Amino acid sequence: MTAFEVFVHDDRYSVPTLHLISAADDRDARETADALLRASPHHLGVELWRDGDQIAALGACAARQRSLGGPYLRVVK
């Protein structure tokens, strides 16, 4: 199992909420991050990180990175 950090951006709070998760691989971690995004209508976006590298940005986080011209999602196969 690998440790991942998930930052959930919630419209009720001024800073993202940190979730520490363990997953078998990047794909499983992304599925967990996606489930966290869908868990509440207040969740606007999530960032998925592993060892200081961003693996994915979902929801509003993905839209923000696209508007800035940065990579917003690494496809996990």
C-alpha atoms as a PDB file:
ATOM      1  CA  MET A   1       0.000   0.000   0.000  1.00  0.00           C
ATOM      2  CA  THR A   2       1.116   3.527  -0.775  1.00  0.00           C
ATOM      3  CA  ALA A   3       0.305   6.681   1.206  1.00  0.00           C
ATOM      4  CA  PHE A   4      -1.441   9.558  -0.577  1.00  0.00           C
ATOM      5  CA  GLU A   5      -2.617  13.004   0.474  1.00  0.00           C
ATOM      6  CA  VAL A   6      -6.011  14.271  -0.694  1.00  0.00           C
ATOM      7  CA  PHE A   7      -6.847  17.946  -0.272  1.00  0.00           C
ATOM      8  CA  VAL A   8     -10.605  18.560  -0.421  1.00  0.00           C
ATOM      9  CA  HIS A   9     -11.681  22.106  -1.303  1.00  0.00           C
ATOM     10  CA  ASP A  10     -14.987  22.759   0.441  1.00  0.00           C
ATOM     11  CA  ASP A  11     -17.099  25.904   0.046  1.00  0.00           C
ATOM     12  CA  ARG A  12     -17.676  26.004   3.821  1.00  0.00           C
ATOM     13  CA  TYR A  13     -14.004  26.399   4.738  1.00  0.00           C
ATOM     14  CA  SER A  14     -11.214  28.790   3.785  1.00  0.00           C
ATOM     15  CA  VAL A  15      -8.522  26.098   3.579  1.00  0.00           C
ATOM     16  CA  PRO A  16      -8.637  22.594   2.069  1.00  0.00           C
ATOM     17  CA  THR A  17      -9.238  19.609   4.314  1.00  0.00           C
ATOM     18  CA  LEU A  18      -6.428  17.052   4.334  1.00  0.00           C
ATOM     19  CA  HIS A  19      -7.269  13.348   4.066  1.00  0.00           C
ATOM     20  CA  LEU A  20      -4.497  10.766   4.353  1.00  0.00           C
ATOM     21  CA  ILE A  21      -5.316   7.592   2.451  1.00  0.00           C
ATOM     22  CA  SER A  22      -3.616   4.321   1.567  1.00  0.00           C
ATOM     23  CA  ALA A  23      -4.158   2.730  -1.804  1.00  0.00           C
ATOM     24  CA  ALA A  24      -2.645  -0.071  -3.855  1.00  0.00           C
ATOM     25  CA  ASP A  25      -1.795   2.255  -6.751  1.00  0.00           C
ATOM     26  CA  ASP A  26      -2.483   5.645  -8.346  1.00  0.00           C
ATOM     27  CA  ARG A  27      -5.689   4.413  -9.955  1.00  0.00           C
ATOM     28  CA  ASP A  28      -7.208   3.254  -6.664  1.00  0.00           C
ATOM     29  CA  ALA A  29      -6.158   6.501  -5.009  1.00  0.00           C
ATOM     30  CA  ARG A  30      -7.800   8.510  -7.784  1.00  0.00           C
ATOM     31  CA  GLU A  31     -11.025   6.539  -7.347  1.00  0.00           C
ATOM     32  CA  THR A  32     -10.980   7.352  -3.631  1.00  0.00           C
ATOM     33  CA  ALA A  33     -10.319  11.034  -4.378  1.00  0.00           C
ATOM     34  CA  ASP A  34     -13.203  11.054  -6.857  1.00  0.00           C
ATOM     35  CA  ALA A  35     -15.484   9.486  -4.233  1.00  0.00           C
ATOM     36  CA  LEU A  36     -14.502  12.227  -1.768  1.00  0.00           C
ATOM     37  CA  LEU A  37     -15.342  14.860  -4.379  1.00  0.00           C
ATOM     38  CA  ARG A  38     -18.784  13.326  -4.940  1.00  0.00           C
ATOM     39  CA  ALA A  39     -19.436  12.787  -1.203  1.00  0.00           C
ATOM     40  CA  SER A  40     -20.865  16.279  -0.668  1.00  0.00           C
ATOM     41  CA  PRO A  41     -22.223  19.084  -2.831  1.00  0.00           C
ATOM     42  CA  HIS A  42     -19.958  21.365  -0.775  1.00  0.00           C
ATOM     43  CA  HIS A  43     -16.853  19.654  -2.132  1.00  0.00           C
ATOM     44  CA  LEU A  44     -15.750  21.814  -5.042  1.00  0.00           C
ATOM     45  CA  GLY A  45     -12.530  20.072  -5.981  1.00  0.00           C
ATOM     46  CA  VAL A  46      -9.834  17.686  -4.819  1.00  0.00           C
ATOM     47  CA  GLU A  47      -6.096  17.430  -5.280  1.00  0.00           C
ATOM     48  CA  LEU A  48      -4.366  14.049  -5.079  1.00  0.00           C
ATOM     49  CA  TRP A  49      -0.682  13.977  -4.090  1.00  0.00           C
ATOM     50  CA  ARG A  50       1.935  11.276  -3.540  1.00  0.00           C
ATOM     51  CA  ASP A  51       5.455  12.001  -2.229  1.00  0.00           C
ATOM     52  CA  GLY A  52       5.200  15.702  -3.060  1.00  0.00           C
ATOM     53  CA  ASP A  53       3.980  15.138  -6.633  1.00  0.00           C
ATOM     54  CA  GLN A  54       0.470  16.007  -7.706  1.00  0.00           C
ATOM     55  CA  ILE A  55      -1.170  12.961  -9.266  1.00  0.00           C
ATOM     56  CA  ALA A  56      -4.555  14.453 -10.140  1.00  0.00           C
ATOM     57  CA  ALA A  57      -6.788  17.471  -9.714  1.00  0.00           C
ATOM     58  CA  LEU A  58     -10.523  16.961  -9.974  1.00  0.00           C
ATOM     59  CA  GLY A  59     -13.535  19.257 -10.074  1.00  0.00           C
ATOM     60  CA  ALA A  60     -12.813  22.953  -9.618  1.00  0.00           C
ATOM     61  CA  CYS A  61      -9.124  22.202  -9.055  1.00  0.00           C
ATOM     62  CA  ALA A  62      -8.860  20.700 -12.535  1.00  0.00           C
ATOM     63  CA  ALA A  63     -10.664  23.660 -14.079  1.00  0.00           C
ATOM     64  CA  ARG A  64      -8.346  26.088 -12.294  1.00  0.00           C
ATOM     65  CA  GLN A  65      -5.206  24.324 -13.482  1.00  0.00           C
ATOM     66  CA  ARG A  66      -6.517  24.223 -17.061  1.00  0.00           C
ATOM     67  CA  SER A  67      -7.118  27.969 -16.959  1.00  0.00           C
ATOM     68  CA  LEU A  68      -3.545  28.478 -15.740  1.00  0.00           C
ATOM     69  CA  GLY A  69      -2.180  26.277 -18.534  1.00  0.00           C
ATOM     70  CA  GLY A  70      -0.761  23.674 -16.181  1.00  0.00           C
ATOM     71  CA  PRO A  71      -1.123  19.932 -16.130  1.00  0.00           C
ATOM     72  CA  TYR A  72      -4.379  19.143 -14.414  1.00  0.00           C
ATOM     73  CA  LEU A  73      -4.559  15.389 -14.591  1.00  0.00           C
ATOM     74  CA  ARG A  74      -2.102  12.638 -15.163  1.00  0.00           C
ATOM     75  CA  VAL A  75      -3.846   9.702 -16.753  1.00  0.00           C
ATOM     76  CA  VAL A  76      -3.416   6.589 -14.672  1.00  0.00           C
ATOM     77  CA  LYS A  77      -3.564   3.313 -16.582  1.00  0.00           C
END
